[in-house]
Structure formats: C-alpha cells, structure tokens
C-alpha cells in the first residue's frame, strides 16, 4: 500500500519536474546564446585587454538575460490575459447551456405534470 502511494506521489510530481527541467534547459540556452553574442562582439574589439573583454562579456550577458526576463514577463502577462478572457467566455457559455437545459427540463416537467393531471381527470 505504501509503495503504491509513493509511486502515485512521484507520478504527481513528474509534470512539475519536467517543467523545471525544461525551464532550466531554456535558461541555459538563453545564457549560452547571450554568451556567444558577447564573444562575437568581443572578437570585433581586439584592442580590449583580457580583463576588459571579460567584463564586457559579463555585462553584455547580464543585460541580455535581463531583457529576456522582461520579454518573458511581458509575454506571461499577455498569455494570462488571453487565458482569463477565454476562461470567462467558456464559463459564460457553460452557464447559458446549463440555464437552457434547466429551462427545458422545467418546461418538460410542467408539460408532463399538466398532461398527467388531464389524463387523471
């Protein structure tokens, strides 16, 4: 019994773990891309000393990662707004359908009761 519970708990954690790994890999990709861009820029400036080149690379990567974060935060906000709008639309549609079904059931019940009363007379 306990073993089954543990495997179920691990199965519940799997999507979160996959999401974490995916996020880590994307972050590493953004970092490596920024580092490559910085090195490309640095190669155009052969007059920089080693310390200056390393500092420029570090600052460029910091700036690029910061811009990427800002972009992602903006996209997350947009997606959240889109999902909330879609959720409200779906909820409203579901409420309309439930109201229509309830009205149909009430009308059918009233009609059945009326017919039963008339037949019973």
Protein backbone atom coordinates (compact mmCIF):
# COMPACT_ATOMS: atom_id res chain seq x y z
CA UNK A 1 0.00 0.00 0.00
CA UNK A 2 2.67 2.48 0.97
CA UNK A 3 4.68 1.68 -2.14
CA UNK A 4 1.63 2.42 -4.33
CA UNK A 5 1.14 5.74 -2.60
CA UNK A 6 4.77 6.65 -3.13
CA UNK A 7 4.67 5.84 -6.84
CA UNK A 8 1.47 7.86 -7.20
CA UNK A 9 3.14 10.77 -5.39
CA UNK A 10 6.11 10.54 -7.75
CA UNK A 11 3.76 10.41 -10.74
CA UNK A 12 2.08 13.59 -9.49
CA UNK A 13 5.47 15.31 -9.21
CA UNK A 14 6.62 14.27 -12.69
CA UNK A 15 4.94 17.11 -14.66
CA UNK A 16 6.39 19.69 -12.28
CA UNK A 17 9.83 18.12 -12.58
CA UNK A 18 9.58 18.08 -16.37
CA UNK A 19 8.57 21.75 -16.30
CA UNK A 20 11.53 22.59 -14.05
CA UNK A 21 13.98 20.74 -16.30
CA UNK A 22 12.51 22.40 -19.39
CA UNK A 23 12.80 25.81 -17.76
CA UNK A 24 16.40 25.12 -16.75
CA UNK A 25 17.32 24.00 -20.26
CA UNK A 26 15.71 27.07 -21.81
CA UNK A 27 17.53 29.33 -19.35
CA UNK A 28 20.82 27.64 -20.21
CA UNK A 29 20.08 28.08 -23.91
CA UNK A 30 19.41 31.81 -23.42
CA UNK A 31 22.58 32.14 -21.37
CA UNK A 32 24.75 30.33 -23.91
CA UNK A 33 23.24 32.34 -26.75
CA UNK A 34 23.94 35.60 -24.92
CA UNK A 35 27.47 34.46 -24.18
CA UNK A 36 28.04 33.60 -27.86
CA UNK A 37 26.74 37.04 -28.90
CA UNK A 38 29.06 38.68 -26.39
CA UNK A 39 32.03 36.72 -27.67
CA UNK A 40 31.16 37.67 -31.26
CA UNK A 41 31.03 41.33 -30.23
CA UNK A 42 34.24 40.97 -28.25
CA UNK A 43 36.04 39.50 -31.25
CA UNK A 44 35.35 42.75 -33.11
CA UNK A 45 37.28 44.66 -30.44
CA UNK A 46 40.79 43.22 -30.43
CA UNK A 47 42.17 46.22 -28.51
CA UNK A 48 40.42 45.19 -25.27
CA UNK A 49 42.56 43.72 -22.54
CA UNK A 50 41.60 40.30 -21.17
CA UNK A 51 40.01 41.86 -18.09
CA UNK A 52 38.10 44.40 -20.16
CA UNK A 53 36.89 41.70 -22.56
CA UNK A 54 35.72 39.50 -19.68
CA UNK A 55 33.96 42.45 -18.05
CA UNK A 56 32.29 43.41 -21.32
CA UNK A 57 31.15 39.81 -21.83
CA UNK A 58 29.77 39.64 -18.29
CA UNK A 59 27.90 42.93 -18.64
CA UNK A 60 26.52 42.00 -22.05
CA UNK A 61 25.26 38.64 -20.78
CA UNK A 62 23.67 40.32 -17.73
CA UNK A 63 21.93 42.88 -19.95
CA UNK A 64 20.76 40.26 -22.44
CA UNK A 65 19.37 37.99 -19.70
CA UNK A 66 17.63 40.95 -18.10
CA UNK A 67 15.99 41.86 -21.42
CA UNK A 68 14.96 38.24 -21.94
CA UNK A 69 13.35 38.16 -18.49
CA UNK A 70 11.46 41.37 -19.21
CA UNK A 71 10.23 39.96 -22.51
CA UNK A 72 9.12 36.72 -20.86
CA UNK A 73 7.31 38.61 -18.10
CA UNK A 74 5.50 40.64 -20.75
CA UNK A 75 4.53 37.50 -22.68
CA UNK A 76 3.36 35.80 -19.49
CA UNK A 77 1.11 38.79 -18.77
CA UNK A 78 -0.31 38.65 -22.29
CA UNK A 79 -0.92 34.91 -22.07
CA UNK A 80 -2.56 35.26 -18.66
CA UNK A 81 -4.92 37.92 -20.02
CA UNK A 82 -5.77 35.73 -23.03
CA UNK A 83 -6.42 32.70 -20.85
CA UNK A 84 -8.56 34.69 -18.42
CA UNK A 85 -10.64 36.09 -21.29
CA UNK A 86 -11.09 32.63 -22.79
CA UNK A 87 -11.99 31.19 -19.37
CA UNK A 88 -14.68 33.85 -18.86
CA UNK A 89 -16.09 33.13 -22.33
CA UNK A 90 -16.21 29.38 -21.66
CA UNK A 91 -17.78 29.92 -18.25
CA UNK A 92 -20.45 32.19 -19.71
CA UNK A 93 -21.21 29.66 -22.48
CA UNK A 94 -21.45 26.85 -19.93
CA UNK A 95 -23.80 28.91 -17.76
CA UNK A 96 -26.03 29.64 -20.78
CA UNK A 97 -26.16 25.95 -21.68
CA UNK A 98 -27.00 24.93 -18.13
CA UNK A 99 -29.70 27.58 -17.96
CA UNK A 100 -31.17 26.39 -21.27
CA UNK A 101 -31.14 22.75 -20.16
CA UNK A 102 -32.71 23.65 -16.82
CA UNK A 103 -35.46 25.64 -18.57
CA UNK A 104 -36.09 22.74 -20.96
CA UNK A 105 -36.30 20.28 -18.08
CA UNK A 106 -38.65 22.53 -16.13
CA UNK A 107 -40.84 23.06 -19.18
CA UNK A 108 -40.87 19.33 -19.89
CA UNK A 109 -41.72 18.54 -16.27
CA UNK A 110 -44.50 21.12 -16.25
CA UNK A 111 -45.88 19.74 -19.52
CA UNK A 112 -45.71 16.17 -18.21
CA UNK A 113 -47.47 17.15 -14.96
CA UNK A 114 -50.16 19.00 -16.90
CA UNK A 115 -50.72 16.02 -19.17
CA UNK A 116 -50.81 13.66 -16.19
CA UNK A 117 -53.41 15.85 -14.47
CA UNK A 118 -55.56 16.00 -17.59
CA UNK A 119 -55.39 12.24 -18.15
CA UNK A 120 -56.12 11.63 -14.47
CA UNK A 121 -59.43 13.54 -14.62
